[in-house]
Protein backbone atom coordinates (compact mmCIF):
# COMPACT_ATOMS: atom_id res chain seq x y z
CA UNK A 1 10.21 23.39 45.45
CA UNK A 2 7.68 25.96 45.53
CA UNK A 3 6.16 26.77 41.68
CA UNK A 4 6.40 30.02 40.45
CA UNK A 5 4.05 31.79 39.14
CA UNK A 6 3.75 33.77 36.08
CA UNK A 7 2.26 37.71 36.33
CA UNK A 8 -0.19 36.65 33.58
CA UNK A 9 -1.63 33.48 35.01
CA UNK A 10 -2.31 35.14 38.20
CA UNK A 11 -3.66 37.83 35.99
CA UNK A 12 -6.27 35.46 34.70
CA UNK A 13 -7.02 33.43 37.51
CA UNK A 14 -8.30 37.16 39.31
CA UNK A 15 -10.55 38.00 36.05
CA UNK A 16 -11.52 34.55 36.62
CA UNK A 17 -12.84 34.71 40.66
CA UNK A 18 -14.16 38.39 39.35
CA UNK A 19 -16.73 36.67 37.23
CA UNK A 20 -17.13 34.07 38.99
CA UNK A 21 -17.30 33.86 42.46
CA UNK A 22 -14.99 30.27 43.84
CA UNK A 23 -15.35 31.18 47.38
CA UNK A 24 -18.20 28.44 48.57
CA UNK A 25 -16.53 25.85 47.59
CA UNK A 26 -14.01 23.48 49.80
CA UNK A 27 -10.16 23.85 49.09
CA UNK A 28 -9.50 21.11 46.98
CA UNK A 29 -12.16 21.20 45.19
CA UNK A 30 -11.86 24.71 43.90
CA UNK A 31 -8.97 24.67 42.67
CA UNK A 32 -9.51 21.93 40.68
CA UNK A 33 -12.51 23.91 39.22
CA UNK A 34 -10.43 26.97 38.79
CA UNK A 35 -7.74 25.01 36.83
CA UNK A 36 -10.52 23.53 35.09
CA UNK A 37 -11.45 26.91 34.19
CA UNK A 38 -8.85 28.43 33.70
CA UNK A 39 -7.43 25.79 30.77
CA UNK A 40 -10.89 25.93 28.91
CA UNK A 41 -12.36 29.29 29.76
CA UNK A 42 -14.56 27.83 30.43
CA UNK A 43 -17.03 29.16 33.62
CA UNK A 44 -19.67 26.04 32.86
CA UNK A 45 -16.70 23.63 34.20
CA UNK A 46 -18.02 24.80 37.75
CA UNK A 47 -21.21 23.67 37.23
CA UNK A 48 -20.45 20.58 34.73
CA UNK A 49 -17.63 18.72 37.73
CA UNK A 50 -18.74 16.57 39.68
CA UNK A 51 -15.38 15.97 42.13
CA UNK A 52 -16.14 15.42 46.18
CA UNK A 53 -13.47 17.45 48.61
CA UNK A 54 -12.79 14.05 50.62
CA UNK A 55 -11.72 12.27 47.53
CA UNK A 56 -9.76 14.83 46.50
CA UNK A 57 -8.08 14.87 49.91
CA UNK A 58 -6.87 11.42 49.62
CA UNK A 59 -5.87 11.71 46.01
CA UNK A 60 -3.65 14.62 47.08
CA UNK A 61 -2.06 13.15 49.91
CA UNK A 62 -1.08 9.97 47.61
CA UNK A 63 0.30 11.87 44.36
CA UNK A 64 2.46 13.57 46.65
CA UNK A 65 3.51 10.18 48.63
CA UNK A 66 4.61 9.83 45.16
CA UNK A 67 1.79 7.64 43.93
CA UNK A 68 1.94 6.34 39.94
CA UNK A 69 0.36 9.15 37.28
CA UNK A 70 -0.69 6.88 33.76
CA UNK A 71 -2.07 8.92 31.41
CA UNK A 72 -4.49 7.80 28.49
CA UNK A 73 -2.21 9.79 26.04
CA UNK A 74 1.04 12.05 25.66
CA UNK A 75 -0.93 15.17 25.26
CA UNK A 76 -2.36 14.73 29.06
CA UNK A 77 1.36 13.86 29.50
CA UNK A 78 2.57 16.86 28.44
CA UNK A 79 0.04 18.97 30.07
CA UNK A 80 1.31 17.92 33.65
CA UNK A 81 4.84 19.87 33.95
CA UNK A 82 5.56 18.34 37.31
CA UNK A 83 5.79 14.66 37.43
CA UNK A 84 6.34 11.85 35.64
CA UNK A 85 3.60 9.74 33.96
CA UNK A 86 2.74 6.08 32.64
CA UNK A 87 1.50 6.46 29.10
CA UNK A 88 1.27 2.46 27.26
CA UNK A 89 -0.05 4.04 23.98
CA UNK A 90 2.95 3.33 22.52
CA UNK A 91 3.31 0.03 22.73
CA UNK A 92 -1.12 -0.67 22.77
CA UNK A 93 -2.46 -2.57 19.60
CA UNK A 94 -6.03 -2.87 18.65
CA UNK A 95 -8.03 -6.01 19.04
CA UNK A 96 -10.98 -7.59 18.11
CA UNK A 97 -13.54 -5.92 20.92
CA UNK A 98 -10.66 -3.71 21.90
CA UNK A 99 -9.67 -0.38 21.20
CA UNK A 100 -5.91 0.95 21.24
CA UNK A 101 -6.64 3.13 24.20
CA UNK A 102 -8.44 0.06 26.46
CA UNK A 103 -5.49 -1.80 25.36
CA UNK A 104 -3.02 1.00 26.74
CA UNK A 105 -4.83 0.76 29.74
CA UNK A 106 -4.55 -3.05 30.23
CA UNK A 107 -0.64 -1.98 29.79
CA UNK A 108 -0.06 0.46 32.04
CA UNK A 109 -2.23 -1.25 35.03
CA UNK A 110 -0.09 -4.48 34.52
CA UNK A 111 3.01 -2.25 35.25
CA UNK A 112 1.71 -0.16 37.93
CA UNK A 113 -0.90 -2.28 39.29
CA UNK A 114 -3.34 -0.47 42.32
CA UNK A 115 -3.22 2.92 43.81
CA UNK A 116 -2.11 5.26 40.74
CA UNK A 117 -3.75 8.35 40.03
CA UNK A 118 -5.70 7.93 36.60
CA UNK A 119 -6.10 11.19 33.90
CA UNK A 120 -7.54 10.08 31.26
CA UNK A 121 -9.12 13.39 29.11
CA UNK A 122 -9.01 11.20 25.40
CA UNK A 123 -10.81 7.98 24.66
CA UNK A 124 -13.97 6.94 26.62
CA UNK A 125 -12.82 3.47 25.86
CA UNK A 126 -9.76 3.93 28.01
CA UNK A 127 -11.97 4.32 31.27
CA UNK A 128 -14.18 1.91 30.29
CA UNK A 129 -11.75 -0.28 30.01
CA UNK A 130 -10.15 0.81 33.14
CA UNK A 131 -13.70 0.59 35.07
CA UNK A 132 -13.47 -3.01 34.16
CA UNK A 133 -9.86 -3.46 35.92
CA UNK A 134 -9.63 -3.48 40.17
CA UNK A 135 -7.74 -1.39 39.67
CA UNK A 136 -8.04 0.18 43.30
CA UNK A 137 -6.71 3.80 42.17
CA UNK A 138 -6.47 6.92 44.88
CA UNK A 139 -7.93 8.68 42.20
CA UNK A 140 -9.99 9.00 38.43
CA UNK A 141 -9.60 12.09 37.01
CA UNK A 142 -12.44 10.96 33.85
CA UNK A 143 -12.46 13.53 31.42
CA UNK A 144 -12.80 12.54 27.89
CA UNK A 145 -14.29 14.47 25.19
CA UNK A 146 -16.64 13.61 22.26
CA UNK A 147 -20.36 12.65 20.72
CA UNK A 148 -19.93 8.71 21.30
CA UNK A 149 -19.14 7.81 24.70
CA UNK A 150 -18.20 10.24 26.71
CA UNK A 151 -21.11 11.55 28.93
CA UNK A 152 -21.84 7.78 29.20
CA UNK A 153 -18.50 6.77 29.93
CA UNK A 154 -18.30 9.36 32.98
CA UNK A 155 -21.49 8.50 34.74
CA UNK A 156 -20.83 4.75 34.86
CA UNK A 157 -17.20 6.17 36.33
CA UNK A 158 -19.81 8.27 39.25
CA UNK A 159 -22.05 5.29 39.73
CA UNK A 160 -18.94 2.85 40.29
CA UNK A 161 -17.94 4.44 43.10
CA UNK A 162 -14.85 5.11 42.54
CA UNK A 163 -12.89 8.39 43.53
CA UNK A 164 -13.53 10.17 40.75
CA UNK A 165 -13.45 14.04 39.16
CA UNK A 166 -15.79 14.17 36.61
CA UNK A 167 -17.96 16.38 34.38
CA UNK A 168 -21.55 16.06 33.43
CA UNK A 169 -21.20 16.14 29.94
CA UNK A 170 -19.68 15.57 27.01
CA UNK A 171 -16.66 18.82 26.81
CA UNK A 172 -13.38 17.49 28.45
CA UNK A 173 -10.34 16.85 26.81
CA UNK A 174 -6.74 16.75 27.33
CA UNK A 175 -5.73 20.25 28.57
CA UNK A 176 -8.58 20.33 31.18
CA UNK A 177 -7.56 16.12 32.41
CA UNK A 178 -4.27 17.44 32.70
CA UNK A 179 -5.58 20.48 34.75
CA UNK A 180 -7.28 18.84 37.26
CA UNK A 181 -3.89 16.70 37.95
CA UNK A 182 -2.12 19.69 37.66
CA UNK A 183 -4.48 21.65 40.34
CA UNK A 184 -3.18 18.60 43.21
CA UNK A 185 0.05 18.65 41.90
CA UNK A 186 0.24 22.63 42.66
CA UNK A 187 -1.82 22.74 46.05
CA UNK A 188 0.37 23.09 48.92
CA UNK A 189 0.33 19.82 51.47
CA UNK A 190 -1.75 20.84 54.47
CA UNK A 191 -0.24 19.61 57.59
CA UNK A 192 -2.86 16.91 57.93
CA UNK A 193 -1.21 15.08 55.11
CA UNK A 194 2.00 15.53 55.80
CA UNK A 195 3.79 12.11 57.11
């Protein structure tokens, strides 16, 4: 089913491209960068985001083949408009040395196992917990926000070698994390990716 793009969204992307040349990015990287910028009206994401086109191509194929999508909070889930997601935050409990967000990641991994796409836009501790698991993710969209642990958790994600979308600064959040996943959902499947 093709997605119908509203005229306001079309005009917004036209204006974005008039202010920022994104034509040098490879296709999926460009899609992610543009959709993240669009979600935050923040052109600085063009130089702040860290992506790898090869990782995005594999993740795009996994996503469109039905890989599960796990989110850290319901706000991220609400922003992902065309896919069911797994969020276990309501079932999670904090404990000594364990935040509720970290426990939710453990519960989600028990449910979905390896090969999922993980979208973390709120809690740095959720991203930190994911990095302790043997999750073998198709992709980690690690864009938690905040002054405590956000930049450090994203740096740890990049150092892990896992396929990822992250950013260098402390900014991030549910809207931009959902936007990065939506960019992959909305991007058409190429003939090379079809089974």
